[in-house]
Amino acid sequence: MFTPTYSSWLNWIESEFAALRYFALNGTDHRSHGEQDAAIGAYIRWRNQRAEPKREFAVNSKIRLPDYLANVA
């Protein structure tokens, strides 16, 4: 997958969409948009209940530096 310069955050959002597709949409044949919406909503609620902050950043990423974290907060 091509990722433009300064948009490495796109990799994380892509993994969220892949998980949504795998857990809520693959292998299903929803009879209506409402049924599909309910399945997507159920997955998102399940995922949000188990959510944890992202901790794995690139080794030399400035987001790992204490000065960066102090400026963000």
C-alpha atoms as a PDB file:
ATOM      1  CA  MET A   1       0.000   0.000   0.000  1.00  0.00           C
ATOM      2  CA  PHE A   2       1.351   3.423  -0.938  1.00  0.00           C
ATOM      3  CA  THR A   3       1.413   5.846   1.983  1.00  0.00           C
ATOM      4  CA  PRO A   4       2.039   9.504   1.141  1.00  0.00           C
ATOM      5  CA  THR A   5       4.762  11.381   3.006  1.00  0.00           C
ATOM      6  CA  TYR A   6       3.671  12.567   6.471  1.00  0.00           C
ATOM      7  CA  SER A   7       0.580  10.364   6.525  1.00  0.00           C
ATOM      8  CA  SER A   8       1.715   7.237   8.315  1.00  0.00           C
ATOM      9  CA  TRP A   9      -1.463   7.488  10.422  1.00  0.00           C
ATOM     10  CA  LEU A  10      -3.287   6.100   7.384  1.00  0.00           C
ATOM     11  CA  ASN A  11      -1.813   2.679   8.124  1.00  0.00           C
ATOM     12  CA  TRP A  12      -3.691   2.500  11.443  1.00  0.00           C
ATOM     13  CA  ILE A  13      -7.028   3.571   9.980  1.00  0.00           C
ATOM     14  CA  GLU A  14      -6.617   0.975   7.242  1.00  0.00           C
ATOM     15  CA  SER A  15      -6.275  -1.759   9.863  1.00  0.00           C
ATOM     16  CA  GLU A  16      -9.469  -0.548  11.564  1.00  0.00           C
ATOM     17  CA  PHE A  17     -11.395  -0.800   8.288  1.00  0.00           C
ATOM     18  CA  ALA A  18      -9.931  -4.236   7.585  1.00  0.00           C
ATOM     19  CA  ALA A  19     -11.057  -5.481  11.010  1.00  0.00           C
ATOM     20  CA  LEU A  20     -14.527  -4.013  10.488  1.00  0.00           C
ATOM     21  CA  ARG A  21     -14.802  -5.719   7.118  1.00  0.00           C
ATOM     22  CA  TYR A  22     -13.561  -9.052   8.502  1.00  0.00           C
ATOM     23  CA  PHE A  23     -15.642  -9.171  11.697  1.00  0.00           C
ATOM     24  CA  ALA A  24     -18.862  -7.431  10.618  1.00  0.00           C
ATOM     25  CA  LEU A  25     -19.238  -7.802   6.857  1.00  0.00           C
ATOM     26  CA  ASN A  26     -17.418 -10.835   5.420  1.00  0.00           C
ATOM     27  CA  GLY A  27     -19.565 -13.911   4.898  1.00  0.00           C
ATOM     28  CA  THR A  28     -22.824 -12.088   5.578  1.00  0.00           C
ATOM     29  CA  ASP A  29     -25.893 -11.442   3.486  1.00  0.00           C
ATOM     30  CA  HIS A  30     -27.794  -8.685   5.271  1.00  0.00           C
ATOM     31  CA  ARG A  31     -31.418  -8.391   4.236  1.00  0.00           C
ATOM     32  CA  SER A  32     -31.496  -4.619   4.690  1.00  0.00           C
ATOM     33  CA  HIS A  33     -29.316  -1.612   5.316  1.00  0.00           C
ATOM     34  CA  GLY A  34     -30.693  -1.462   8.852  1.00  0.00           C
ATOM     35  CA  GLU A  35     -29.531  -5.012   9.550  1.00  0.00           C
ATOM     36  CA  GLN A  36     -26.092  -4.218   8.162  1.00  0.00           C
ATOM     37  CA  ASP A  37     -25.984  -1.006  10.198  1.00  0.00           C
ATOM     38  CA  ALA A  38     -26.840  -2.982  13.346  1.00  0.00           C
ATOM     39  CA  ALA A  39     -24.015  -5.464  12.674  1.00  0.00           C
ATOM     40  CA  ILE A  40     -21.505  -2.655  12.142  1.00  0.00           C
ATOM     41  CA  GLY A  41     -22.734  -0.846  15.261  1.00  0.00           C
ATOM     42  CA  ALA A  42     -22.462  -4.026  17.349  1.00  0.00           C
ATOM     43  CA  TYR A  43     -18.875  -4.553  16.203  1.00  0.00           C
ATOM     44  CA  ILE A  44     -17.917  -0.936  16.925  1.00  0.00           C
ATOM     45  CA  ARG A  45     -19.461  -1.093  20.420  1.00  0.00           C
ATOM     46  CA  TRP A  46     -17.618  -4.368  21.104  1.00  0.00           C
ATOM     47  CA  ARG A  47     -14.323  -2.891  19.868  1.00  0.00           C
ATOM     48  CA  ASN A  48     -14.711   0.342  21.849  1.00  0.00           C
ATOM     49  CA  GLN A  49     -15.371  -1.559  25.091  1.00  0.00           C
ATOM     50  CA  ARG A  50     -12.012  -3.284  24.657  1.00  0.00           C
ATOM     51  CA  ALA A  51     -10.040  -0.319  23.298  1.00  0.00           C
ATOM     52  CA  GLU A  52      -6.592   0.575  24.610  1.00  0.00           C
ATOM     53  CA  PRO A  53      -4.279   3.442  23.685  1.00  0.00           C
ATOM     54  CA  LYS A  54      -1.842   2.831  20.853  1.00  0.00           C
ATOM     55  CA  ARG A  55       1.631   2.317  22.288  1.00  0.00           C
ATOM     56  CA  GLU A  56       3.639   0.911  19.396  1.00  0.00           C
ATOM     57  CA  PHE A  57       5.234   3.766  17.486  1.00  0.00           C
ATOM     58  CA  ALA A  58       8.235   3.728  15.162  1.00  0.00           C
ATOM     59  CA  VAL A  59      11.567   3.455  16.971  1.00  0.00           C
ATOM     60  CA  ASN A  60      12.858   6.915  15.987  1.00  0.00           C
ATOM     61  CA  SER A  61       9.484   8.637  15.907  1.00  0.00           C
ATOM     62  CA  LYS A  62       9.370  12.012  17.622  1.00  0.00           C
ATOM     63  CA  ILE A  63       6.120  10.980  19.312  1.00  0.00           C
ATOM     64  CA  ARG A  64       8.203   8.709  21.589  1.00  0.00           C
ATOM     65  CA  LEU A  65      10.247  11.641  22.933  1.00  0.00           C
ATOM     66  CA  PRO A  66       9.242  13.050  26.355  1.00  0.00           C
ATOM     67  CA  ASP A  67       9.373  16.645  25.028  1.00  0.00           C
ATOM     68  CA  TYR A  68       6.772  15.828  22.395  1.00  0.00           C
ATOM     69  CA  LEU A  69       4.413  14.268  24.931  1.00  0.00           C
ATOM     70  CA  ALA A  70       4.694  17.325  27.219  1.00  0.00           C
ATOM     71  CA  ASN A  71       3.831  19.673  24.337  1.00  0.00           C
ATOM     72  CA  VAL A  72       0.813  17.622  23.309  1.00  0.00           C
ATOM     73  CA  ALA A  73      -0.681  17.441  26.807  1.00  0.00           C
END
